[in-house]
Full PDB file with SEQRES, HELIX, SHEET, SSBOND, CRYST1, ORIGX, SCALE, CONECT and MASTER records, all heavy atoms in Angstrom:
SEQRES   1 A   34  ALA ASP PHE ARG LYS LYS LYS GLY ILE SER GLN GLU VAL          
SEQRES   2 A   34  LEU SER GLY LEU ALA ASP ILE GLY ARG THR HIS LEU SER          
SEQRES   3 A   34  ALA ILE GLU ARG GLY GLU ARG LYS                              
HELIX    1 AA1 ASP A    2  LYS A    7  1                                   6    
HELIX    2 AA2 GLN A   11  ALA A   18  1                                   8    
HELIX    3 AA3 ARG A   22  GLU A   29  1                                   8    
CRYST1    1.000    1.000    1.000  90.00  90.00  90.00 P 1           1          
ORIGX1      1.000000  0.000000  0.000000        0.00000                         
ORIGX2      0.000000  1.000000  0.000000        0.00000                         
ORIGX3      0.000000  0.000000  1.000000        0.00000                         
SCALE1      1.000000  0.000000  0.000000        0.00000                         
SCALE2      0.000000  1.000000  0.000000        0.00000                         
SCALE3      0.000000  0.000000  1.000000        0.00000                         
ATOM      1  N   ALA A   1      -0.704   8.927  -8.565  1.00  0.00           N  
ATOM      2  CA  ALA A   1      -1.689   9.615  -7.718  1.00  0.00           C  
ATOM      3  C   ALA A   1      -2.330  10.784  -8.460  1.00  0.00           C  
ATOM      4  O   ALA A   1      -3.545  10.998  -8.354  1.00  0.00           O  
ATOM      5  CB  ALA A   1      -1.019  10.095  -6.430  1.00  0.00           C  
ATOM      6  N   ASP A   2      -1.528  11.529  -9.213  1.00  0.00           N  
ATOM      7  CA  ASP A   2      -2.074  12.669  -9.961  1.00  0.00           C  
ATOM      8  C   ASP A   2      -3.086  12.211 -11.015  1.00  0.00           C  
ATOM      9  O   ASP A   2      -4.149  12.818 -11.158  1.00  0.00           O  
ATOM     10  CB  ASP A   2      -0.956  13.478 -10.615  1.00  0.00           C  
ATOM     11  CG  ASP A   2      -0.139  14.287  -9.612  1.00  0.00           C  
ATOM     12  OD1 ASP A   2      -0.573  14.397  -8.440  1.00  0.00           O  
ATOM     13  OD2 ASP A   2       0.929  14.798 -10.000  1.00  0.00           O  
ATOM     14  N   PHE A   3      -2.759  11.148 -11.748  1.00  0.00           N  
ATOM     15  CA  PHE A   3      -3.704  10.617 -12.733  1.00  0.00           C  
ATOM     16  C   PHE A   3      -4.988  10.151 -12.041  1.00  0.00           C  
ATOM     17  O   PHE A   3      -6.089  10.395 -12.518  1.00  0.00           O  
ATOM     18  CB  PHE A   3      -3.090   9.460 -13.523  1.00  0.00           C  
ATOM     19  CG  PHE A   3      -2.322   9.883 -14.742  1.00  0.00           C  
ATOM     20  CD1 PHE A   3      -0.933   9.969 -14.717  1.00  0.00           C  
ATOM     21  CD2 PHE A   3      -2.974  10.188 -15.924  1.00  0.00           C  
ATOM     22  CE1 PHE A   3      -0.211  10.353 -15.844  1.00  0.00           C  
ATOM     23  CE2 PHE A   3      -2.263  10.578 -17.064  1.00  0.00           C  
ATOM     24  CZ  PHE A   3      -0.888  10.662 -17.026  1.00  0.00           C  
ATOM     25  N   ARG A   4      -4.835   9.463 -10.916  1.00  0.00           N  
ATOM     26  CA  ARG A   4      -6.000   8.968 -10.173  1.00  0.00           C  
ATOM     27  C   ARG A   4      -6.892  10.113  -9.721  1.00  0.00           C  
ATOM     28  O   ARG A   4      -8.123  10.079  -9.887  1.00  0.00           O  
ATOM     29  CB  ARG A   4      -5.535   8.145  -8.960  1.00  0.00           C  
ATOM     30  CG  ARG A   4      -6.689   7.649  -8.096  1.00  0.00           C  
ATOM     31  CD  ARG A   4      -6.206   6.853  -6.899  1.00  0.00           C  
ATOM     32  NE  ARG A   4      -5.344   7.591  -6.000  1.00  0.00           N  
ATOM     33  CZ  ARG A   4      -5.748   8.526  -5.141  1.00  0.00           C  
ATOM     34  NH1 ARG A   4      -7.018   8.878  -5.075  1.00  0.00           N  
ATOM     35  NH2 ARG A   4      -4.879   9.134  -4.346  1.00  0.00           N  
ATOM     36  N   LYS A   5      -6.277  11.157  -9.174  1.00  0.00           N  
ATOM     37  CA  LYS A   5      -7.047  12.309  -8.682  1.00  0.00           C  
ATOM     38  C   LYS A   5      -7.743  13.043  -9.825  1.00  0.00           C  
ATOM     39  O   LYS A   5      -8.877  13.491  -9.671  1.00  0.00           O  
ATOM     40  CB  LYS A   5      -6.141  13.250  -7.897  1.00  0.00           C  
ATOM     41  CG  LYS A   5      -5.692  12.650  -6.566  1.00  0.00           C  
ATOM     42  CD  LYS A   5      -4.618  13.492  -5.905  1.00  0.00           C  
ATOM     43  CE  LYS A   5      -4.060  12.800  -4.670  1.00  0.00           C  
ATOM     44  NZ  LYS A   5      -2.888  13.494  -4.128  1.00  0.00           N  
ATOM     45  N   LYS A   6      -7.064  13.164 -10.978  1.00  0.00           N  
ATOM     46  CA  LYS A   6      -7.679  13.808 -12.144  1.00  0.00           C  
ATOM     47  C   LYS A   6      -8.917  13.049 -12.597  1.00  0.00           C  
ATOM     48  O   LYS A   6      -9.873  13.642 -13.090  1.00  0.00           O  
ATOM     49  CB  LYS A   6      -6.689  13.902 -13.306  1.00  0.00           C  
ATOM     50  CG  LYS A   6      -5.680  15.003 -13.168  1.00  0.00           C  
ATOM     51  CD  LYS A   6      -4.745  15.028 -14.372  1.00  0.00           C  
ATOM     52  CE  LYS A   6      -3.487  15.810 -14.049  1.00  0.00           C  
ATOM     53  NZ  LYS A   6      -2.410  15.577 -15.010  1.00  0.00           N  
ATOM     54  N   LYS A   7      -8.887  11.736 -12.425  1.00  0.00           N  
ATOM     55  CA  LYS A   7     -10.032  10.901 -12.797  1.00  0.00           C  
ATOM     56  C   LYS A   7     -11.117  10.920 -11.715  1.00  0.00           C  
ATOM     57  O   LYS A   7     -12.215  10.407 -11.934  1.00  0.00           O  
ATOM     58  CB  LYS A   7      -9.590   9.450 -13.027  1.00  0.00           C  
ATOM     59  CG  LYS A   7      -8.790   9.240 -14.292  1.00  0.00           C  
ATOM     60  CD  LYS A   7      -9.716   9.221 -15.490  1.00  0.00           C  
ATOM     61  CE  LYS A   7      -8.966   8.835 -16.749  1.00  0.00           C  
ATOM     62  NZ  LYS A   7      -9.882   8.606 -17.865  1.00  0.00           N  
ATOM     63  N   GLY A   8     -10.790  11.476 -10.552  1.00  0.00           N  
ATOM     64  CA  GLY A   8     -11.763  11.533  -9.463  1.00  0.00           C  
ATOM     65  C   GLY A   8     -12.044  10.175  -8.841  1.00  0.00           C  
ATOM     66  O   GLY A   8     -13.167   9.903  -8.408  1.00  0.00           O  
ATOM     67  N   ILE A   9     -11.015   9.332  -8.795  1.00  0.00           N  
ATOM     68  CA  ILE A   9     -11.166   7.971  -8.268  1.00  0.00           C  
ATOM     69  C   ILE A   9     -10.425   7.866  -6.937  1.00  0.00           C  
ATOM     70  O   ILE A   9      -9.293   8.333  -6.818  1.00  0.00           O  
ATOM     71  CB  ILE A   9     -10.580   6.941  -9.260  1.00  0.00           C  
ATOM     72  CG1 ILE A   9     -11.238   7.069 -10.638  1.00  0.00           C  
ATOM     73  CG2 ILE A   9     -10.734   5.520  -8.734  1.00  0.00           C  
ATOM     74  CD1 ILE A   9     -10.565   6.228 -11.717  1.00  0.00           C  
ATOM     75  N   SER A  10     -11.045   7.245  -5.955  1.00  0.00           N  
ATOM     76  CA  SER A  10     -10.377   7.031  -4.669  1.00  0.00           C  
ATOM     77  C   SER A  10      -9.389   5.869  -4.778  1.00  0.00           C  
ATOM     78  O   SER A  10      -9.468   5.053  -5.706  1.00  0.00           O  
ATOM     79  CB  SER A  10     -11.404   6.711  -3.579  1.00  0.00           C  
ATOM     80  OG  SER A  10     -11.984   5.432  -3.808  1.00  0.00           O  
ATOM     81  N   GLN A  11      -8.472   5.799  -3.830  1.00  0.00           N  
ATOM     82  CA  GLN A  11      -7.534   4.675  -3.800  1.00  0.00           C  
ATOM     83  C   GLN A  11      -8.294   3.364  -3.661  1.00  0.00           C  
ATOM     84  O   GLN A  11      -7.940   2.364  -4.280  1.00  0.00           O  
ATOM     85  CB  GLN A  11      -6.559   4.816  -2.629  1.00  0.00           C  
ATOM     86  CG  GLN A  11      -5.443   5.783  -2.852  1.00  0.00           C  
ATOM     87  CD  GLN A  11      -4.448   5.785  -1.699  1.00  0.00           C  
ATOM     88  OE1 GLN A  11      -4.734   5.311  -0.603  1.00  0.00           O  
ATOM     89  NE2 GLN A  11      -3.275   6.337  -1.952  1.00  0.00           N  
ATOM     90  N   GLU A  12      -9.336   3.384  -2.858  1.00  0.00           N  
ATOM     91  CA  GLU A  12     -10.122   2.174  -2.628  1.00  0.00           C  
ATOM     92  C   GLU A  12     -10.751   1.661  -3.923  1.00  0.00           C  
ATOM     93  O   GLU A  12     -10.678   0.473  -4.245  1.00  0.00           O  
ATOM     94  CB  GLU A  12     -11.213   2.447  -1.596  1.00  0.00           C  
ATOM     95  CG  GLU A  12     -11.994   1.227  -1.230  1.00  0.00           C  
ATOM     96  CD  GLU A  12     -12.034   0.974   0.256  1.00  0.00           C  
ATOM     97  OE1 GLU A  12     -11.415   1.719   1.033  1.00  0.00           O  
ATOM     98  OE2 GLU A  12     -12.694   0.021   0.633  1.00  0.00           O  
ATOM     99  N   VAL A  13     -11.348   2.570  -4.679  1.00  0.00           N  
ATOM    100  CA  VAL A  13     -11.994   2.183  -5.936  1.00  0.00           C  
ATOM    101  C   VAL A  13     -10.946   1.720  -6.948  1.00  0.00           C  
ATOM    102  O   VAL A  13     -11.106   0.670  -7.584  1.00  0.00           O  
ATOM    103  CB  VAL A  13     -12.844   3.344  -6.508  1.00  0.00           C  
ATOM    104  CG1 VAL A  13     -13.301   3.047  -7.926  1.00  0.00           C  
ATOM    105  CG2 VAL A  13     -14.045   3.617  -5.609  1.00  0.00           C  
ATOM    106  N   LEU A  14      -9.863   2.484  -7.089  1.00  0.00           N  
ATOM    107  CA  LEU A  14      -8.830   2.122  -8.059  1.00  0.00           C  
ATOM    108  C   LEU A  14      -8.208   0.770  -7.724  1.00  0.00           C  
ATOM    109  O   LEU A  14      -8.021  -0.068  -8.614  1.00  0.00           O  
ATOM    110  CB  LEU A  14      -7.742   3.198  -8.143  1.00  0.00           C  
ATOM    111  CG  LEU A  14      -6.601   2.902  -9.113  1.00  0.00           C  
ATOM    112  CD1 LEU A  14      -7.115   2.654 -10.526  1.00  0.00           C  
ATOM    113  CD2 LEU A  14      -5.581   4.028  -9.096  1.00  0.00           C  
ATOM    114  N   SER A  15      -7.906   0.549  -6.471  1.00  0.00           N  
ATOM    115  CA  SER A  15      -7.288  -0.731  -6.104  1.00  0.00           C  
ATOM    116  C   SER A  15      -8.241  -1.890  -6.398  1.00  0.00           C  
ATOM    117  O   SER A  15      -7.804  -2.956  -6.833  1.00  0.00           O  
ATOM    118  CB  SER A  15      -6.851  -0.726  -4.642  1.00  0.00           C  
ATOM    119  OG  SER A  15      -7.967  -0.603  -3.775  1.00  0.00           O  
ATOM    120  N   GLY A  16      -9.536  -1.685  -6.192  1.00  0.00           N  
ATOM    121  CA  GLY A  16     -10.515  -2.722  -6.514  1.00  0.00           C  
ATOM    122  C   GLY A  16     -10.588  -2.984  -8.006  1.00  0.00           C  
ATOM    123  O   GLY A  16     -10.584  -4.138  -8.448  1.00  0.00           O  
ATOM    124  N   LEU A  17     -10.628  -1.917  -8.797  1.00  0.00           N  
ATOM    125  CA  LEU A  17     -10.691  -2.061 -10.256  1.00  0.00           C  
ATOM    126  C   LEU A  17      -9.424  -2.710 -10.809  1.00  0.00           C  
ATOM    127  O   LEU A  17      -9.476  -3.460 -11.786  1.00  0.00           O  
ATOM    128  CB  LEU A  17     -10.910  -0.693 -10.920  1.00  0.00           C  
ATOM    129  CG  LEU A  17     -12.263  -0.026 -10.692  1.00  0.00           C  
ATOM    130  CD1 LEU A  17     -12.241   1.409 -11.231  1.00  0.00           C  
ATOM    131  CD2 LEU A  17     -13.386  -0.827 -11.345  1.00  0.00           C  
ATOM    132  N   ALA A  18      -8.282  -2.392 -10.197  1.00  0.00           N  
ATOM    133  CA  ALA A  18      -6.995  -2.929 -10.663  1.00  0.00           C  
ATOM    134  C   ALA A  18      -6.673  -4.285 -10.042  1.00  0.00           C  
ATOM    135  O   ALA A  18      -5.672  -4.906 -10.404  1.00  0.00           O  
ATOM    136  CB  ALA A  18      -5.877  -1.930 -10.351  1.00  0.00           C  
ATOM    137  N   ASP A  19      -7.499  -4.722  -9.093  1.00  0.00           N  
ATOM    138  CA  ASP A  19      -7.298  -5.990  -8.391  1.00  0.00           C  
ATOM    139  C   ASP A  19      -5.945  -6.051  -7.684  1.00  0.00           C  
ATOM    140  O   ASP A  19      -5.188  -7.005  -7.804  1.00  0.00           O  
ATOM    141  CB  ASP A  19      -7.467  -7.178  -9.346  1.00  0.00           C  
ATOM    142  CG  ASP A  19      -7.631  -8.494  -8.606  1.00  0.00           C  
ATOM    143  OD1 ASP A  19      -8.162  -8.473  -7.473  1.00  0.00           O  
ATOM    144  OD2 ASP A  19      -7.213  -9.545  -9.138  1.00  0.00           O  
ATOM    145  N   ILE A  20      -5.635  -4.951  -6.988  1.00  0.00           N  
ATOM    146  CA  ILE A  20      -4.459  -4.922  -6.113  1.00  0.00           C  
ATOM    147  C   ILE A  20      -4.925  -4.416  -4.747  1.00  0.00           C  
ATOM    148  O   ILE A  20      -5.974  -3.778  -4.644  1.00  0.00           O  
ATOM    149  CB  ILE A  20      -3.320  -4.021  -6.669  1.00  0.00           C  
ATOM    150  CG1 ILE A  20      -3.779  -2.574  -6.811  1.00  0.00           C  
ATOM    151  CG2 ILE A  20      -2.798  -4.559  -7.988  1.00  0.00           C  
ATOM    152  CD1 ILE A  20      -2.679  -1.610  -7.203  1.00  0.00           C  
ATOM    153  N   GLY A  21      -4.166  -4.682  -3.715  1.00  0.00           N  
ATOM    154  CA  GLY A  21      -4.545  -4.230  -2.381  1.00  0.00           C  
ATOM    155  C   GLY A  21      -4.467  -2.712  -2.253  1.00  0.00           C  
ATOM    156  O   GLY A  21      -3.583  -2.082  -2.848  1.00  0.00           O  
ATOM    157  N   ARG A  22      -5.388  -2.142  -1.478  1.00  0.00           N  
ATOM    158  CA  ARG A  22      -5.368  -0.691  -1.282  1.00  0.00           C  
ATOM    159  C   ARG A  22      -4.088  -0.262  -0.585  1.00  0.00           C  
ATOM    160  O   ARG A  22      -3.511   0.770  -0.912  1.00  0.00           O  
ATOM    161  CB  ARG A  22      -6.596  -0.211  -0.486  1.00  0.00           C  
ATOM    162  CG  ARG A  22      -6.751   1.308  -0.589  1.00  0.00           C  
ATOM    163  CD  ARG A  22      -7.543   1.924   0.546  1.00  0.00           C  
ATOM    164  NE  ARG A  22      -6.961   1.699   1.855  1.00  0.00           N  
ATOM    165  CZ  ARG A  22      -5.899   2.337   2.348  1.00  0.00           C  
ATOM    166  NH1 ARG A  22      -5.264   3.244   1.628  1.00  0.00           N  
ATOM    167  NH2 ARG A  22      -5.450   2.058   3.547  1.00  0.00           N  
ATOM    168  N   THR A  23      -3.618  -1.043   0.371  1.00  0.00           N  
ATOM    169  CA  THR A  23      -2.377  -0.673   1.062  1.00  0.00           C  
ATOM    170  C   THR A  23      -1.189  -0.734   0.103  1.00  0.00           C  
ATOM    171  O   THR A  23      -0.255   0.050   0.223  1.00  0.00           O  
ATOM    172  CB  THR A  23      -2.114  -1.572   2.286  1.00  0.00           C  
ATOM    173  OG1 THR A  23      -2.138  -2.939   1.889  1.00  0.00           O  
ATOM    174  CG2 THR A  23      -3.150  -1.342   3.371  1.00  0.00           C  
ATOM    175  N   HIS A  24      -1.236  -1.663  -0.851  1.00  0.00           N  
ATOM    176  CA  HIS A  24      -0.174  -1.753  -1.867  1.00  0.00           C  
ATOM    177  C   HIS A  24      -0.199  -0.504  -2.755  1.00  0.00           C  
ATOM    178  O   HIS A  24       0.846   0.103  -3.007  1.00  0.00           O  
ATOM    179  CB  HIS A  24      -0.367  -3.020  -2.706  1.00  0.00           C  
ATOM    180  CG  HIS A  24       0.686  -3.251  -3.731  1.00  0.00           C  
ATOM    181  ND1 HIS A  24       1.911  -3.807  -3.431  1.00  0.00           N  
ATOM    182  CD2 HIS A  24       0.713  -2.982  -5.051  1.00  0.00           C  
ATOM    183  CE1 HIS A  24       2.639  -3.876  -4.537  1.00  0.00           C  
ATOM    184  NE2 HIS A  24       1.939  -3.375  -5.534  1.00  0.00           N  
ATOM    185  N   LEU A  25      -1.389  -0.111  -3.207  1.00  0.00           N  
ATOM    186  CA  LEU A  25      -1.518   1.101  -4.022  1.00  0.00           C  
ATOM    187  C   LEU A  25      -1.055   2.327  -3.241  1.00  0.00           C  
ATOM    188  O   LEU A  25      -0.342   3.180  -3.769  1.00  0.00           O  
ATOM    189  CB  LEU A  25      -2.966   1.288  -4.488  1.00  0.00           C  
ATOM    190  CG  LEU A  25      -3.246   2.563  -5.288  1.00  0.00           C  
ATOM    191  CD1 LEU A  25      -2.417   2.609  -6.562  1.00  0.00           C  
ATOM    192  CD2 LEU A  25      -4.725   2.690  -5.593  1.00  0.00           C  
ATOM    193  N   SER A  26      -1.436   2.393  -1.988  1.00  0.00           N  
ATOM    194  CA  SER A  26      -1.036   3.519  -1.142  1.00  0.00           C  
ATOM    195  C   SER A  26       0.491   3.588  -1.021  1.00  0.00           C  
ATOM    196  O   SER A  26       1.088   4.664  -1.114  1.00  0.00           O  
ATOM    197  CB  SER A  26      -1.671   3.377   0.239  1.00  0.00           C  
ATOM    198  OG  SER A  26      -1.270   4.426   1.080  1.00  0.00           O  
ATOM    199  N   ALA A  27       1.130   2.442  -0.839  1.00  0.00           N  
ATOM    200  CA  ALA A  27       2.595   2.401  -0.728  1.00  0.00           C  
ATOM    201  C   ALA A  27       3.251   2.833  -2.043  1.00  0.00           C  
ATOM    202  O   ALA A  27       4.269   3.530  -2.031  1.00  0.00           O  
ATOM    203  CB  ALA A  27       3.056   0.995  -0.340  1.00  0.00           C  
ATOM    204  N   ILE A  28       2.657   2.462  -3.169  1.00  0.00           N  
ATOM    205  CA  ILE A  28       3.176   2.885  -4.472  1.00  0.00           C  
ATOM    206  C   ILE A  28       3.061   4.396  -4.601  1.00  0.00           C  
ATOM    207  O   ILE A  28       4.024   5.073  -4.978  1.00  0.00           O  
ATOM    208  CB  ILE A  28       2.422   2.177  -5.622  1.00  0.00           C  
ATOM    209  CG1 ILE A  28       2.774   0.690  -5.668  1.00  0.00           C  
ATOM    210  CG2 ILE A  28       2.730   2.843  -6.968  1.00  0.00           C  
ATOM    211  CD1 ILE A  28       1.890  -0.140  -6.592  1.00  0.00           C  
ATOM    212  N   GLU A  29       1.895   4.942  -4.263  1.00  0.00           N  
ATOM    213  CA  GLU A  29       1.683   6.385  -4.396  1.00  0.00           C  
ATOM    214  C   GLU A  29       2.581   7.193  -3.457  1.00  0.00           C  
ATOM    215  O   GLU A  29       2.952   8.316  -3.778  1.00  0.00           O  
ATOM    216  CB  GLU A  29       0.212   6.728  -4.171  1.00  0.00           C  
ATOM    217  CG  GLU A  29      -0.681   6.290  -5.316  1.00  0.00           C  
ATOM    218  CD  GLU A  29      -2.088   6.836  -5.221  1.00  0.00           C  
ATOM    219  OE1 GLU A  29      -2.417   7.553  -4.244  1.00  0.00           O  
ATOM    220  OE2 GLU A  29      -2.879   6.559  -6.135  1.00  0.00           O  
ATOM    221  N   ARG A  30       2.940   6.637  -2.326  1.00  0.00           N  
ATOM    222  CA  ARG A  30       3.845   7.324  -1.388  1.00  0.00           C  
ATOM    223  C   ARG A  30       5.312   7.147  -1.769  1.00  0.00           C  
ATOM    224  O   ARG A  30       6.200   7.714  -1.135  1.00  0.00           O  
ATOM    225  CB  ARG A  30       3.619   6.812   0.036  1.00  0.00           C  
ATOM    226  CG  ARG A  30       2.323   7.251   0.665  1.00  0.00           C  
ATOM    227  CD  ARG A  30       2.292   6.974   2.177  1.00  0.00           C  
ATOM    228  NE  ARG A  30       2.717   5.625   2.529  1.00  0.00           N  
ATOM    229  CZ  ARG A  30       1.917   4.560   2.614  1.00  0.00           C  
ATOM    230  NH1 ARG A  30       0.635   4.664   2.361  1.00  0.00           N  
ATOM    231  NH2 ARG A  30       2.401   3.385   2.953  1.00  0.00           N  
ATOM    232  N   GLY A  31       5.577   6.324  -2.780  1.00  0.00           N  
ATOM    233  CA  GLY A  31       6.949   6.102  -3.205  1.00  0.00           C  
ATOM    234  C   GLY A  31       7.690   5.075  -2.382  1.00  0.00           C  
ATOM    235  O   GLY A  31       8.913   4.961  -2.476  1.00  0.00           O  
ATOM    236  N   GLU A  32       6.971   4.305  -1.583  1.00  0.00           N  
ATOM    237  CA  GLU A  32       7.599   3.282  -0.751  1.00  0.00           C  
ATOM    238  C   GLU A  32       7.815   1.984  -1.520  1.00  0.00           C  
ATOM    239  O   GLU A  32       8.627   1.159  -1.127  1.00  0.00           O  
ATOM    240  CB  GLU A  32       6.750   3.006   0.491  1.00  0.00           C  
ATOM    241  CG  GLU A  32       6.683   4.202   1.415  1.00  0.00           C  
ATOM    242  CD  GLU A  32       5.679   4.018   2.543  1.00  0.00           C  
ATOM    243  OE1 GLU A  32       5.061   2.940   2.650  1.00  0.00           O  
ATOM    244  OE2 GLU A  32       5.514   4.980   3.317  1.00  0.00           O  
ATOM    245  N   ARG A  33       7.055   1.792  -2.591  1.00  0.00           N  
ATOM    246  CA  ARG A  33       7.191   0.605  -3.436  1.00  0.00           C  
ATOM    247  C   ARG A  33       7.117   1.031  -4.888  1.00  0.00           C  
ATOM    248  O   ARG A  33       6.457   1.998  -5.219  1.00  0.00           O  
ATOM    249  CB  ARG A  33       6.064  -0.393  -3.156  1.00  0.00           C  
ATOM    250  CG  ARG A  33       6.065  -0.890  -1.726  1.00  0.00           C  
ATOM    251  CD  ARG A  33       5.045  -1.953  -1.529  1.00  0.00           C  
ATOM    252  NE  ARG A  33       5.500  -3.187  -2.185  1.00  0.00           N  
ATOM    253  CZ  ARG A  33       4.887  -4.350  -2.052  1.00  0.00           C  
ATOM    254  NH1 ARG A  33       3.798  -4.447  -1.338  1.00  0.00           N  
ATOM    255  NH2 ARG A  33       5.350  -5.423  -2.651  1.00  0.00           N  
ATOM    256  N   LYS A  34       7.797   0.275  -5.743  1.00  0.00           N  
ATOM    257  CA  LYS A  34       7.720   0.507  -7.188  1.00  0.00           C  
ATOM    258  C   LYS A  34       6.789  -0.549  -7.777  1.00  0.00           C  
ATOM    259  O   LYS A  34       6.917  -1.731  -7.455  1.00  0.00           O  
ATOM    260  CB  LYS A  34       9.097   0.390  -7.838  1.00  0.00           C  
ATOM    261  CG  LYS A  34      10.047   1.500  -7.477  1.00  0.00           C  
ATOM    262  CD  LYS A  34      11.380   1.291  -8.174  1.00  0.00           C  
ATOM    263  CE  LYS A  34      12.410   2.266  -7.673  1.00  0.00           C  
ATOM    264  NZ  LYS A  34      13.739   1.980  -8.218  1.00  0.00           N  
TER     265      LYS A  34                                                      
MASTER        0    0    0    3    0    0    0    6  264    1    0    3          
END                                                                             
């Protein structure tokens, strides 16, 4: 999350660029998933 914020990228944009679900990225950033 810190790297993402430093880049000024939203979760929505990052998840699209990385081709993963936004909810999956959100769960990773919250520490619910590795």
